[in-house]
Amino acid sequence: MSTFVPPTPDAAVYVISVAAELTGLHPQTLRTYERMGLIMPGRTGGGGRRYSHRDLERLRLIAGLTSRGIGIEGVRQILDLENQLQALRARNAELQAEVDAARDALRRTPSAVSTPTSRVPALRAPTLSNQVVVWRRSR
């Protein structure tokens, strides 16, 4: 007996009639959004449209925006900004992981922490808390 494995969010599994019913939109509206480039459903070998769960979420977002009076060009810009935000969040996570890895590497390497990078002495001023005085030699 095999176990059921649900499809991934990007798996194109819904035919246009099911996608229309699940989103509350007319099938012709789905075709129109596709022509406008707002949605890109998968295709079968025979050319039939197949929508993924992520496509359905996007269609619901488009329907919600247009029902609030936002025009198609406004919807397009919002979707573009959403895509940019998602990409920036992913890039931010990558950079944060790099910073964390670099910090961990520095903590594990005692020579990197204890080796001075400058020969200029730094002294704490006795009357000034939380301030550092750096003495420089005159030339």
N, C-alpha and C. Protein backbone atom coordinates (compact mmCIF):
# COMPACT_ATOMS: atom_id res chain seq x y z
N MET A 1 0.84 -1.18 0.00
CA MET A 1 0.00 0.00 0.00
C MET A 1 0.88 1.24 0.00
N SER A 2 0.69 2.11 -0.95
CA SER A 2 1.50 3.32 -1.03
C SER A 2 0.84 4.45 -0.24
N THR A 3 1.67 5.35 0.27
CA THR A 3 1.15 6.49 1.02
C THR A 3 0.97 7.67 0.08
N PHE A 4 -0.03 8.48 0.37
CA PHE A 4 -0.32 9.66 -0.44
C PHE A 4 0.70 10.74 -0.14
N VAL A 5 1.28 11.29 -1.18
CA VAL A 5 2.21 12.40 -1.05
C VAL A 5 1.56 13.61 -1.71
N PRO A 6 1.24 14.64 -0.91
CA PRO A 6 0.58 15.80 -1.51
C PRO A 6 1.50 16.51 -2.49
N PRO A 7 0.94 17.15 -3.51
CA PRO A 7 1.78 17.85 -4.49
C PRO A 7 2.45 19.07 -3.86
N THR A 8 3.56 19.45 -4.42
CA THR A 8 4.25 20.65 -3.95
C THR A 8 3.45 21.88 -4.37
N PRO A 9 3.67 23.03 -3.75
CA PRO A 9 2.92 24.24 -4.11
C PRO A 9 3.09 24.66 -5.57
N ASP A 10 4.17 24.23 -6.20
CA ASP A 10 4.41 24.60 -7.60
C ASP A 10 3.99 23.54 -8.60
N ALA A 11 3.46 22.42 -8.12
CA ALA A 11 3.03 21.36 -9.02
C ALA A 11 1.74 21.77 -9.72
N ALA A 12 1.76 21.78 -11.05
CA ALA A 12 0.59 22.19 -11.84
C ALA A 12 -0.36 21.00 -11.93
N VAL A 13 -1.42 21.03 -11.11
CA VAL A 13 -2.32 19.88 -11.03
C VAL A 13 -3.79 20.21 -11.31
N TYR A 14 -4.20 21.48 -11.21
CA TYR A 14 -5.60 21.84 -11.34
C TYR A 14 -5.96 22.25 -12.77
N VAL A 15 -7.00 21.64 -13.31
CA VAL A 15 -7.49 22.06 -14.63
C VAL A 15 -8.18 23.40 -14.47
N ILE A 16 -8.44 24.08 -15.57
CA ILE A 16 -8.96 25.44 -15.53
C ILE A 16 -10.32 25.52 -14.82
N SER A 17 -11.19 24.54 -15.01
CA SER A 17 -12.51 24.59 -14.37
C SER A 17 -12.39 24.48 -12.86
N VAL A 18 -11.49 23.65 -12.38
CA VAL A 18 -11.28 23.51 -10.93
C VAL A 18 -10.63 24.77 -10.38
N ALA A 19 -9.63 25.31 -11.08
CA ALA A 19 -8.97 26.53 -10.65
C ALA A 19 -9.97 27.68 -10.58
N ALA A 20 -10.86 27.77 -11.57
CA ALA A 20 -11.87 28.82 -11.57
C ALA A 20 -12.81 28.67 -10.37
N GLU A 21 -13.22 27.46 -10.10
CA GLU A 21 -14.13 27.22 -8.98
C GLU A 21 -13.45 27.53 -7.65
N LEU A 22 -12.19 27.12 -7.49
CA LEU A 22 -11.48 27.35 -6.23
C LEU A 22 -11.16 28.81 -5.98
N THR A 23 -11.03 29.60 -7.03
CA THR A 23 -10.72 31.03 -6.87
C THR A 23 -11.94 31.92 -6.96
N GLY A 24 -13.07 31.36 -7.42
CA GLY A 24 -14.27 32.18 -7.57
C GLY A 24 -14.24 33.05 -8.81
N LEU A 25 -13.37 32.74 -9.73
CA LEU A 25 -13.26 33.51 -10.97
C LEU A 25 -13.82 32.69 -12.13
N HIS A 26 -14.19 33.38 -13.18
CA HIS A 26 -14.68 32.71 -14.39
C HIS A 26 -13.48 32.18 -15.18
N PRO A 27 -13.61 31.03 -15.83
CA PRO A 27 -12.49 30.50 -16.62
C PRO A 27 -11.97 31.50 -17.66
N GLN A 28 -12.86 32.29 -18.23
CA GLN A 28 -12.42 33.28 -19.21
C GLN A 28 -11.54 34.34 -18.56
N THR A 29 -11.83 34.67 -17.30
CA THR A 29 -10.99 35.63 -16.56
C THR A 29 -9.58 35.05 -16.39
N LEU A 30 -9.50 33.77 -16.10
CA LEU A 30 -8.19 33.13 -15.96
C LEU A 30 -7.41 33.20 -17.28
N ARG A 31 -8.11 32.96 -18.38
CA ARG A 31 -7.46 33.05 -19.70
C ARG A 31 -7.00 34.48 -19.98
N THR A 32 -7.82 35.46 -19.60
CA THR A 32 -7.47 36.87 -19.80
C THR A 32 -6.23 37.24 -18.99
N TYR A 33 -6.20 36.82 -17.72
CA TYR A 33 -5.03 37.11 -16.88
C TYR A 33 -3.78 36.46 -17.46
N GLU A 34 -3.94 35.30 -18.07
CA GLU A 34 -2.80 34.65 -18.70
C GLU A 34 -2.32 35.46 -19.90
N ARG A 35 -3.26 35.91 -20.73
CA ARG A 35 -2.88 36.73 -21.90
C ARG A 35 -2.17 38.00 -21.48
N MET A 36 -2.58 38.56 -20.34
CA MET A 36 -1.96 39.80 -19.84
C MET A 36 -0.61 39.54 -19.18
N GLY A 37 -0.27 38.28 -18.97
CA GLY A 37 1.01 37.95 -18.36
C GLY A 37 0.99 37.99 -16.84
N LEU A 38 -0.20 38.05 -16.24
CA LEU A 38 -0.29 38.09 -14.78
C LEU A 38 -0.13 36.70 -14.16
N ILE A 39 -0.40 35.69 -14.93
CA ILE A 39 -0.32 34.31 -14.45
C ILE A 39 0.24 33.45 -15.59
N MET A 40 1.01 32.45 -15.23
CA MET A 40 1.60 31.57 -16.25
C MET A 40 1.35 30.12 -15.83
N PRO A 41 0.18 29.56 -16.14
CA PRO A 41 -0.08 28.18 -15.74
C PRO A 41 0.78 27.21 -16.55
N GLY A 42 0.95 26.02 -15.99
CA GLY A 42 1.66 24.98 -16.72
C GLY A 42 0.79 24.47 -17.87
N ARG A 43 1.38 23.71 -18.74
CA ARG A 43 0.65 23.16 -19.89
C ARG A 43 0.87 21.66 -19.97
N THR A 44 -0.16 20.97 -20.42
CA THR A 44 -0.04 19.54 -20.68
C THR A 44 0.54 19.36 -22.07
N GLY A 45 0.81 18.13 -22.44
CA GLY A 45 1.33 17.85 -23.77
C GLY A 45 0.35 18.27 -24.85
N GLY A 46 -0.94 18.21 -24.56
CA GLY A 46 -1.96 18.62 -25.53
C GLY A 46 -2.29 20.10 -25.47
N GLY A 47 -1.65 20.86 -24.59
CA GLY A 47 -1.85 22.30 -24.53
C GLY A 47 -2.84 22.75 -23.46
N GLY A 48 -3.41 21.84 -22.70
CA GLY A 48 -4.35 22.21 -21.64
C GLY A 48 -3.64 22.91 -20.50
N ARG A 49 -4.33 23.86 -19.89
CA ARG A 49 -3.76 24.60 -18.77
C ARG A 49 -3.82 23.76 -17.50
N ARG A 50 -2.78 23.89 -16.68
CA ARG A 50 -2.76 23.26 -15.37
C ARG A 50 -2.24 24.29 -14.38
N TYR A 51 -3.01 24.51 -13.33
CA TYR A 51 -2.68 25.53 -12.33
C TYR A 51 -2.14 24.86 -11.07
N SER A 52 -1.18 25.53 -10.44
CA SER A 52 -0.61 25.05 -9.19
C SER A 52 -1.29 25.76 -8.02
N HIS A 53 -1.00 25.29 -6.82
CA HIS A 53 -1.53 25.95 -5.63
C HIS A 53 -1.02 27.39 -5.56
N ARG A 54 0.23 27.59 -5.92
CA ARG A 54 0.79 28.95 -5.92
C ARG A 54 0.08 29.83 -6.95
N ASP A 55 -0.29 29.26 -8.10
CA ASP A 55 -1.06 30.01 -9.10
C ASP A 55 -2.41 30.43 -8.52
N LEU A 56 -3.06 29.52 -7.78
CA LEU A 56 -4.36 29.83 -7.18
C LEU A 56 -4.23 30.96 -6.17
N GLU A 57 -3.17 30.94 -5.38
CA GLU A 57 -2.94 32.03 -4.41
C GLU A 57 -2.76 33.35 -5.14
N ARG A 58 -2.02 33.33 -6.22
CA ARG A 58 -1.79 34.54 -7.00
C ARG A 58 -3.10 35.04 -7.62
N LEU A 59 -3.92 34.12 -8.13
CA LEU A 59 -5.22 34.51 -8.70
C LEU A 59 -6.12 35.12 -7.63
N ARG A 60 -6.10 34.57 -6.43
CA ARG A 60 -6.90 35.15 -5.33
C ARG A 60 -6.41 36.55 -4.98
N LEU A 61 -5.10 36.74 -5.00
CA LEU A 61 -4.53 38.07 -4.73
C LEU A 61 -4.97 39.06 -5.81
N ILE A 62 -4.88 38.66 -7.05
CA ILE A 62 -5.29 39.53 -8.17
C ILE A 62 -6.77 39.88 -8.03
N ALA A 63 -7.59 38.89 -7.73
CA ALA A 63 -9.04 39.13 -7.57
C ALA A 63 -9.31 40.08 -6.42
N GLY A 64 -8.60 39.92 -5.32
CA GLY A 64 -8.77 40.81 -4.18
C GLY A 64 -8.37 42.24 -4.50
N LEU A 65 -7.28 42.40 -5.22
CA LEU A 65 -6.81 43.75 -5.57
C LEU A 65 -7.78 44.43 -6.53
N THR A 66 -8.23 43.69 -7.54
CA THR A 66 -9.15 44.30 -8.51
C THR A 66 -10.51 44.59 -7.88
N SER A 67 -10.94 43.78 -6.91
CA SER A 67 -12.22 44.05 -6.25
C SER A 67 -12.15 45.30 -5.38
N ARG A 68 -10.95 45.71 -4.99
CA ARG A 68 -10.77 46.95 -4.22
C ARG A 68 -10.57 48.16 -5.12
N GLY A 69 -10.71 47.96 -6.42
CA GLY A 69 -10.64 49.08 -7.35
C GLY A 69 -9.27 49.33 -7.96
N ILE A 70 -8.34 48.46 -7.77
CA ILE A 70 -7.00 48.64 -8.35
C ILE A 70 -7.04 48.12 -9.79
N GLY A 71 -6.56 48.93 -10.71
CA GLY A 71 -6.53 48.55 -12.12
C GLY A 71 -5.48 47.50 -12.40
N ILE A 72 -5.55 46.94 -13.58
CA ILE A 72 -4.65 45.85 -13.96
C ILE A 72 -3.19 46.29 -13.94
N GLU A 73 -2.90 47.51 -14.39
CA GLU A 73 -1.50 47.97 -14.35
C GLU A 73 -1.03 48.14 -12.92
N GLY A 74 -1.91 48.61 -12.05
CA GLY A 74 -1.57 48.69 -10.63
C GLY A 74 -1.32 47.31 -10.04
N VAL A 75 -2.15 46.35 -10.42
CA VAL A 75 -1.97 44.97 -9.98
C VAL A 75 -0.63 44.44 -10.46
N ARG A 76 -0.31 44.73 -11.70
CA ARG A 76 0.98 44.27 -12.27
C ARG A 76 2.15 44.85 -11.46
N GLN A 77 2.07 46.13 -11.13
CA GLN A 77 3.14 46.76 -10.35
C GLN A 77 3.24 46.17 -8.94
N ILE A 78 2.09 45.93 -8.33
CA ILE A 78 2.09 45.32 -6.99
C ILE A 78 2.70 43.93 -7.04
N LEU A 79 2.34 43.16 -8.04
CA LEU A 79 2.91 41.81 -8.17
C LEU A 79 4.42 41.87 -8.40
N ASP A 80 4.86 42.83 -9.22
CA ASP A 80 6.30 42.99 -9.45
C ASP A 80 7.01 43.36 -8.15
N LEU A 81 6.42 44.26 -7.38
CA LEU A 81 7.01 44.65 -6.09
C LEU A 81 7.03 43.48 -5.11
N GLU A 82 5.98 42.68 -5.12
CA GLU A 82 5.95 41.48 -4.28
C GLU A 82 7.08 40.53 -4.66
N ASN A 83 7.30 40.35 -5.96
CA ASN A 83 8.39 39.48 -6.42
C ASN A 83 9.75 40.03 -6.00
N GLN A 84 9.93 41.35 -6.12
CA GLN A 84 11.19 41.96 -5.71
C GLN A 84 11.40 41.80 -4.21
N LEU A 85 10.34 42.00 -3.44
CA LEU A 85 10.44 41.85 -1.99
C LEU A 85 10.83 40.43 -1.61
N GLN A 86 10.22 39.47 -2.27
CA GLN A 86 10.54 38.06 -2.00
C GLN A 86 12.00 37.78 -2.34
N ALA A 87 12.48 38.30 -3.46
CA ALA A 87 13.87 38.09 -3.86
C ALA A 87 14.82 38.77 -2.87
N LEU A 88 14.47 39.96 -2.41
CA LEU A 88 15.32 40.66 -1.45
C LEU A 88 15.36 39.95 -0.10
N ARG A 89 14.22 39.41 0.31
CA ARG A 89 14.19 38.65 1.56
C ARG A 89 15.08 37.41 1.45
N ALA A 90 15.01 36.73 0.32
CA ALA A 90 15.85 35.55 0.12
C ALA A 90 17.32 35.94 0.13
N ARG A 91 17.66 37.03 -0.55
CA ARG A 91 19.06 37.49 -0.59
C ARG A 91 19.53 37.91 0.80
N ASN A 92 18.65 38.57 1.55
CA ASN A 92 18.98 38.98 2.91
C ASN A 92 19.26 37.76 3.78
N ALA A 93 18.47 36.72 3.63
CA ALA A 93 18.69 35.49 4.40
C ALA A 93 20.04 34.86 4.02
N GLU A 94 20.38 34.88 2.72
CA GLU A 94 21.68 34.35 2.29
C GLU A 94 22.83 35.13 2.91
N LEU A 95 22.73 36.47 2.87
CA LEU A 95 23.78 37.31 3.43
C LEU A 95 23.89 37.14 4.93
N GLN A 96 22.75 37.01 5.62
CA GLN A 96 22.77 36.80 7.06
C GLN A 96 23.45 35.48 7.40
N ALA A 97 23.19 34.46 6.60
CA ALA A 97 23.84 33.17 6.82
C ALA A 97 25.36 33.29 6.62
N GLU A 98 25.79 34.07 5.63
CA GLU A 98 27.22 34.28 5.41
C GLU A 98 27.86 35.02 6.58
N VAL A 99 27.17 36.05 7.08
CA VAL A 99 27.69 36.80 8.22
C VAL A 99 27.79 35.89 9.45
N ASP A 100 26.75 35.10 9.68
CA ASP A 100 26.78 34.18 10.82
C ASP A 100 27.92 33.18 10.70
N ALA A 101 28.14 32.65 9.49
CA ALA A 101 29.23 31.70 9.27
C ALA A 101 30.59 32.37 9.50
N ALA A 102 30.72 33.61 9.05
CA ALA A 102 31.98 34.34 9.24
C ALA A 102 32.23 34.60 10.73
N ARG A 103 31.18 34.95 11.46
CA ARG A 103 31.32 35.17 12.91
C ARG A 103 31.72 33.89 13.62
N ASP A 104 31.08 32.79 13.24
CA ASP A 104 31.43 31.50 13.84
C ASP A 104 32.88 31.14 13.55
N ALA A 105 33.32 31.38 12.32
CA ALA A 105 34.70 31.08 11.96
C ALA A 105 35.68 31.93 12.77
N LEU A 106 35.34 33.19 12.99
CA LEU A 106 36.21 34.07 13.78
C LEU A 106 36.26 33.62 15.24
N ARG A 107 35.14 33.18 15.75
CA ARG A 107 35.11 32.70 17.14
C ARG A 107 35.95 31.44 17.32
N ARG A 108 35.98 30.60 16.29
CA ARG A 108 36.73 29.35 16.38
C ARG A 108 38.22 29.53 16.13
N THR A 109 38.62 30.66 15.59
CA THR A 109 40.02 30.91 15.26
C THR A 109 40.60 31.91 16.25
N PRO A 110 41.31 31.43 17.27
CA PRO A 110 41.83 32.34 18.29
C PRO A 110 42.84 33.34 17.74
N SER A 111 43.62 32.95 16.76
CA SER A 111 44.64 33.86 16.23
C SER A 111 44.01 35.05 15.52
N ALA A 112 42.86 34.86 14.94
CA ALA A 112 42.20 35.96 14.24
C ALA A 112 41.70 37.01 15.21
N VAL A 113 41.35 36.59 16.41
CA VAL A 113 40.82 37.53 17.39
C VAL A 113 41.94 38.21 18.15
N SER A 114 43.01 37.48 18.48
CA SER A 114 44.04 38.04 19.35
C SER A 114 45.12 38.79 18.59
N THR A 115 45.23 38.65 17.29
CA THR A 115 46.25 39.33 16.51
C THR A 115 45.85 40.78 16.30
N PRO A 116 46.65 41.71 16.80
CA PRO A 116 46.29 43.13 16.61
C PRO A 116 46.43 43.52 15.14
N THR A 117 45.56 44.38 14.69
CA THR A 117 45.61 44.82 13.31
C THR A 117 46.36 46.14 13.18
N SER A 118 46.66 46.77 14.33
CA SER A 118 47.35 48.05 14.30
C SER A 118 48.36 48.09 15.44
N ARG A 119 49.41 48.86 15.26
CA ARG A 119 50.40 49.02 16.32
C ARG A 119 50.16 50.30 17.11
N VAL A 120 49.06 50.96 16.85
CA VAL A 120 48.74 52.19 17.56
C VAL A 120 48.10 51.81 18.89
N PRO A 121 48.67 52.27 20.01
CA PRO A 121 48.09 51.89 21.30
C PRO A 121 46.75 52.58 21.53
N ALA A 122 45.85 51.89 22.15
CA ALA A 122 44.55 52.44 22.50
C ALA A 122 44.42 52.40 24.01
N LEU A 123 44.11 53.54 24.60
CA LEU A 123 43.97 53.64 26.05
C LEU A 123 42.58 54.16 26.38
N ARG A 124 42.07 53.69 27.48
CA ARG A 124 40.79 54.22 27.97
C ARG A 124 41.08 55.48 28.77
N ALA A 125 40.36 56.53 28.48
CA ALA A 125 40.52 57.76 29.24
C ALA A 125 39.84 57.57 30.59
N PRO A 126 40.51 57.88 31.69
CA PRO A 126 39.96 57.60 33.00
C PRO A 126 38.68 58.39 33.31
N THR A 127 38.55 59.59 32.79
CA THR A 127 37.38 60.40 33.12
C THR A 127 36.24 60.24 32.11
N LEU A 128 36.51 59.68 30.98
CA LEU A 128 35.49 59.54 29.94
C LEU A 128 35.10 58.08 29.83
N SER A 129 33.93 57.75 30.30
CA SER A 129 33.50 56.35 30.20
C SER A 129 33.03 56.06 28.78
N ASN A 130 33.27 54.85 28.35
CA ASN A 130 32.84 54.35 27.04
C ASN A 130 33.47 55.09 25.87
N GLN A 131 34.58 55.75 26.10
CA GLN A 131 35.25 56.42 25.00
C GLN A 131 36.69 55.90 24.93
N VAL A 132 37.23 55.87 23.73
CA VAL A 132 38.57 55.37 23.51
C VAL A 132 39.44 56.51 22.98
N VAL A 133 40.63 56.62 23.53
CA VAL A 133 41.59 57.61 23.07
C VAL A 133 42.67 56.88 22.29
N VAL A 134 42.95 57.35 21.10
CA VAL A 134 43.97 56.75 20.26
C VAL A 134 45.11 57.75 20.14
N TRP A 135 46.32 57.31 20.53
CA TRP A 135 47.49 58.16 20.45
C TRP A 135 48.20 57.89 19.14
N ARG A 136 48.55 58.95 18.46
CA ARG A 136 49.28 58.82 17.21
C ARG A 136 50.61 59.53 17.32
N ARG A 137 51.59 58.95 16.71
CA ARG A 137 52.91 59.58 16.70
C ARG A 137 52.92 60.70 15.68
N SER A 138 53.54 61.77 16.03
CA SER A 138 53.67 62.87 15.06
C SER A 138 54.82 62.56 14.13
N ARG A 139 54.76 63.10 13.00
CA ARG A 139 55.79 62.80 11.99
C ARG A 139 56.88 63.80 11.99
